[in-house]
Amino acid sequence: MRTEKNQIWIFNGEIDTEECAEGVRRKVLAYTDGLMCVENHFQAGAVGALHHHPHTQITYVVSGQFAFEIDGAKKIVGPGDSMLKKDAVPHGCVCLKEGILLDIFTPMREDFVQGMTEEKTGWLATNEPEEIRE
């Protein structure tokens, strides 16, 4: 099942996942025009390639460990950590230990609900993990 805009109740177990890159699966959860919640499942070694977009994004690490790069700064993050990525700021990650990231976007990501994957839009594709790691 796909989530609909302004849907009040979203039960995680009923939401379909979408493959967006090798080792990365996404679930679009609740969203309105102005706000969107997305759950991303990463396998160890999967890459969220360095990219930018016109949305402000907050990422919360639910589980796992990730090497993140945000606007040139590199850090290792784990459960309970969060990051702010303002619109147009380059960012990306490498999953070091299998885990889940919860992303909040404002405004919502139209491309996520139009059935386009990040691979198709070209801003999340496989890059070498060394580009993110120190």
C-alpha atoms as a PDB file:
ATOM      1  CA  MET A   1       0.000   0.000   0.000  1.00  0.00           C
ATOM      2  CA  ARG A   2       1.170   3.538  -0.762  1.00  0.00           C
ATOM      3  CA  THR A   3       0.527   6.370   1.663  1.00  0.00           C
ATOM      4  CA  GLU A   4      -1.812   9.158   0.537  1.00  0.00           C
ATOM      5  CA  LYS A   5      -1.319  12.852   1.251  1.00  0.00           C
ATOM      6  CA  ASN A   6      -3.092  13.956   4.466  1.00  0.00           C
ATOM      7  CA  GLN A   7      -3.720  10.324   5.510  1.00  0.00           C
ATOM      8  CA  ILE A   8      -4.228  10.398   9.277  1.00  0.00           C
ATOM      9  CA  TRP A   9      -3.336   6.809  10.219  1.00  0.00           C
ATOM     10  CA  ILE A  10      -0.297   5.109   8.719  1.00  0.00           C
ATOM     11  CA  PHE A  11       0.526   1.599   9.904  1.00  0.00           C
ATOM     12  CA  ASN A  12       4.145   0.801   9.098  1.00  0.00           C
ATOM     13  CA  GLY A  13       3.541  -2.893   8.410  1.00  0.00           C
ATOM     14  CA  GLU A  14       1.044  -2.018   5.659  1.00  0.00           C
ATOM     15  CA  ILE A  15       3.304   0.383   3.727  1.00  0.00           C
ATOM     16  CA  ASP A  16       5.174  -0.869   0.656  1.00  0.00           C
ATOM     17  CA  THR A  17       8.896  -0.267   0.429  1.00  0.00           C
ATOM     18  CA  GLU A  18      10.584   1.052  -2.679  1.00  0.00           C
ATOM     19  CA  GLU A  19      14.178   0.312  -3.670  1.00  0.00           C
ATOM     20  CA  CYS A  20      15.949   3.615  -4.247  1.00  0.00           C
ATOM     21  CA  ALA A  21      19.551   2.422  -4.585  1.00  0.00           C
ATOM     22  CA  GLU A  22      21.472  -0.795  -4.100  1.00  0.00           C
ATOM     23  CA  GLY A  23      20.970  -1.758  -0.457  1.00  0.00           C
ATOM     24  CA  VAL A  24      18.538   1.102   0.284  1.00  0.00           C
ATOM     25  CA  ARG A  25      14.760   0.755   0.647  1.00  0.00           C
ATOM     26  CA  ARG A  26      12.350   3.605   1.401  1.00  0.00           C
ATOM     27  CA  LYS A  27       8.881   3.864   2.981  1.00  0.00           C
ATOM     28  CA  VAL A  28       6.969   7.118   2.599  1.00  0.00           C
ATOM     29  CA  LEU A  29       5.028   7.582   5.831  1.00  0.00           C
ATOM     30  CA  ALA A  30       2.771  10.508   6.782  1.00  0.00           C
ATOM     31  CA  TYR A  31       2.886  13.683   4.689  1.00  0.00           C
ATOM     32  CA  THR A  32       1.151  16.922   3.785  1.00  0.00           C
ATOM     33  CA  ASP A  33       2.150  19.562   1.244  1.00  0.00           C
ATOM     34  CA  GLY A  34       4.446  21.150   3.807  1.00  0.00           C
ATOM     35  CA  LEU A  35       5.946  18.169   5.648  1.00  0.00           C
ATOM     36  CA  MET A  36       6.941  14.561   4.928  1.00  0.00           C
ATOM     37  CA  CYS A  37       8.209  11.647   7.043  1.00  0.00           C
ATOM     38  CA  VAL A  38      10.258   8.931   5.278  1.00  0.00           C
ATOM     39  CA  GLU A  39      11.823   5.746   6.682  1.00  0.00           C
ATOM     40  CA  ASN A  40      14.999   4.527   4.945  1.00  0.00           C
ATOM     41  CA  HIS A  41      16.417   1.033   5.479  1.00  0.00           C
ATOM     42  CA  PHE A  42      20.139   0.649   4.694  1.00  0.00           C
ATOM     43  CA  GLN A  43      22.203  -2.500   4.386  1.00  0.00           C
ATOM     44  CA  ALA A  44      25.826  -2.274   5.522  1.00  0.00           C
ATOM     45  CA  GLY A  45      27.924  -0.744   2.754  1.00  0.00           C
ATOM     46  CA  ALA A  46      24.980   0.959   1.024  1.00  0.00           C
ATOM     47  CA  VAL A  47      25.609   4.502  -0.155  1.00  0.00           C
ATOM     48  CA  GLY A  48      23.415   7.573  -0.107  1.00  0.00           C
ATOM     49  CA  ALA A  49      25.438   9.487  -2.718  1.00  0.00           C
ATOM     50  CA  LEU A  50      26.409  13.083  -2.111  1.00  0.00           C
ATOM     51  CA  HIS A  51      23.536  15.238  -3.411  1.00  0.00           C
ATOM     52  CA  HIS A  52      21.426  18.322  -2.654  1.00  0.00           C
ATOM     53  CA  HIS A  53      17.798  19.329  -3.112  1.00  0.00           C
ATOM     54  CA  PRO A  54      15.532  22.336  -2.443  1.00  0.00           C
ATOM     55  CA  HIS A  55      14.090  20.878   0.779  1.00  0.00           C
ATOM     56  CA  THR A  56      15.176  21.272   4.379  1.00  0.00           C
ATOM     57  CA  GLN A  57      15.749  17.798   5.837  1.00  0.00           C
ATOM     58  CA  ILE A  58      16.196  16.479   9.365  1.00  0.00           C
ATOM     59  CA  THR A  59      17.541  12.939   9.695  1.00  0.00           C
ATOM     60  CA  TYR A  60      17.189  10.879  12.874  1.00  0.00           C
ATOM     61  CA  VAL A  61      19.243   7.677  13.242  1.00  0.00           C
ATOM     62  CA  VAL A  62      16.867   4.974  14.475  1.00  0.00           C
ATOM     63  CA  SER A  63      19.442   2.178  14.317  1.00  0.00           C
ATOM     64  CA  GLY A  64      22.784   1.286  12.764  1.00  0.00           C
ATOM     65  CA  GLN A  65      25.871   3.399  12.179  1.00  0.00           C
ATOM     66  CA  PHE A  66      26.513   5.817   9.314  1.00  0.00           C
ATOM     67  CA  ALA A  67      29.358   7.963   8.005  1.00  0.00           C
ATOM     68  CA  PHE A  68      27.704  11.245   6.985  1.00  0.00           C
ATOM     69  CA  GLU A  69      29.004  14.201   5.053  1.00  0.00           C
ATOM     70  CA  ILE A  70      27.060  17.459   5.309  1.00  0.00           C
ATOM     71  CA  ASP A  71      28.350  20.604   3.603  1.00  0.00           C
ATOM     72  CA  GLY A  72      31.904  19.210   3.635  1.00  0.00           C
ATOM     73  CA  ALA A  73      31.940  18.124   7.304  1.00  0.00           C
ATOM     74  CA  LYS A  74      32.240  14.376   7.997  1.00  0.00           C
ATOM     75  CA  LYS A  75      31.001  12.585  11.135  1.00  0.00           C
ATOM     76  CA  ILE A  76      30.114   9.073  12.265  1.00  0.00           C
ATOM     77  CA  VAL A  77      26.575   8.902  13.719  1.00  0.00           C
ATOM     78  CA  GLY A  78      24.541   6.254  15.496  1.00  0.00           C
ATOM     79  CA  PRO A  79      21.207   5.603  17.225  1.00  0.00           C
ATOM     80  CA  GLY A  80      19.624   8.728  18.679  1.00  0.00           C
ATOM     81  CA  ASP A  81      21.765  11.166  16.680  1.00  0.00           C
ATOM     82  CA  SER A  82      20.157  13.664  14.309  1.00  0.00           C
ATOM     83  CA  MET A  83      21.326  16.000  11.578  1.00  0.00           C
ATOM     84  CA  LEU A  84      19.958  19.158   9.945  1.00  0.00           C
ATOM     85  CA  LYS A  85      20.438  19.617   6.202  1.00  0.00           C
ATOM     86  CA  LYS A  86      19.128  22.964   5.018  1.00  0.00           C
ATOM     87  CA  ASP A  87      17.922  23.333   1.436  1.00  0.00           C
ATOM     88  CA  ALA A  88      20.631  23.075  -1.234  1.00  0.00           C
ATOM     89  CA  VAL A  89      23.313  21.865   1.229  1.00  0.00           C
ATOM     90  CA  PRO A  90      25.284  18.899  -0.199  1.00  0.00           C
ATOM     91  CA  HIS A  91      24.969  15.748   1.913  1.00  0.00           C
ATOM     92  CA  GLY A  92      25.352  11.982   1.680  1.00  0.00           C
ATOM     93  CA  CYS A  93      26.194   8.905   3.721  1.00  0.00           C
ATOM     94  CA  VAL A  94      27.645   5.423   3.814  1.00  0.00           C
ATOM     95  CA  CYS A  95      26.008   2.805   6.024  1.00  0.00           C
ATOM     96  CA  LEU A  96      28.676   1.249   8.272  1.00  0.00           C
ATOM     97  CA  LYS A  97      26.289  -1.037  10.217  1.00  0.00           C
ATOM     98  CA  GLU A  98      22.839  -2.000   8.881  1.00  0.00           C
ATOM     99  CA  GLY A  99      20.261   0.478  10.080  1.00  0.00           C
ATOM    100  CA  ILE A 100      17.307   2.792   9.639  1.00  0.00           C
ATOM    101  CA  LEU A 101      17.215   6.547   9.081  1.00  0.00           C
ATOM    102  CA  LEU A 102      14.054   8.575   9.597  1.00  0.00           C
ATOM    103  CA  ASP A 103      13.922  11.677   7.374  1.00  0.00           C
ATOM    104  CA  ILE A 104      11.644  14.671   7.781  1.00  0.00           C
ATOM    105  CA  PHE A 105      11.380  16.989   4.752  1.00  0.00           C
ATOM    106  CA  THR A 106       9.853  20.409   4.343  1.00  0.00           C
ATOM    107  CA  PRO A 107       8.202  20.903   1.980  1.00  0.00           C
ATOM    108  CA  MET A 108       7.209  17.365   1.000  1.00  0.00           C
ATOM    109  CA  ARG A 109       9.162  15.476  -1.689  1.00  0.00           C
ATOM    110  CA  GLU A 110       6.866  15.412  -4.749  1.00  0.00           C
ATOM    111  CA  ASP A 111       9.276  13.067  -6.522  1.00  0.00           C
ATOM    112  CA  PHE A 112       8.823  10.440  -3.788  1.00  0.00           C
ATOM    113  CA  VAL A 113       5.057  10.202  -4.315  1.00  0.00           C
ATOM    114  CA  GLN A 114       5.108  10.323  -8.107  1.00  0.00           C
ATOM    115  CA  GLY A 115       6.688   6.860  -8.158  1.00  0.00           C
ATOM    116  CA  MET A 116      10.103   8.124  -9.181  1.00  0.00           C
ATOM    117  CA  THR A 117      13.015   6.538  -7.352  1.00  0.00           C
ATOM    118  CA  GLU A 118      16.091   8.478  -6.346  1.00  0.00           C
ATOM    119  CA  GLU A 119      18.056   6.361  -8.837  1.00  0.00           C
ATOM    120  CA  LYS A 120      15.793   7.565 -11.642  1.00  0.00           C
ATOM    121  CA  THR A 121      16.073  11.212 -10.621  1.00  0.00           C
ATOM    122  CA  GLY A 122      19.845  10.840 -10.509  1.00  0.00           C
ATOM    123  CA  TRP A 123      20.559  12.412  -7.122  1.00  0.00           C
ATOM    124  CA  LEU A 124      21.060   9.147  -5.236  1.00  0.00           C
ATOM    125  CA  ALA A 125      23.275   6.755  -7.103  1.00  0.00           C
ATOM    126  CA  THR A 126      26.144   4.501  -6.145  1.00  0.00           C
ATOM    127  CA  ASN A 127      29.313   6.390  -5.287  1.00  0.00           C
ATOM    128  CA  GLU A 128      32.453   4.947  -3.809  1.00  0.00           C
ATOM    129  CA  PRO A 129      32.151   4.880   0.009  1.00  0.00           C
ATOM    130  CA  GLU A 130      35.607   6.485   0.287  1.00  0.00           C
ATOM    131  CA  GLU A 131      34.055   9.747  -0.930  1.00  0.00           C
ATOM    132  CA  ILE A 132      32.219  10.015   2.385  1.00  0.00           C
ATOM    133  CA  ARG A 133      34.593   8.308   4.833  1.00  0.00           C
ATOM    134  CA  GLU A 134      37.553  10.101   6.290  1.00  0.00           C
END
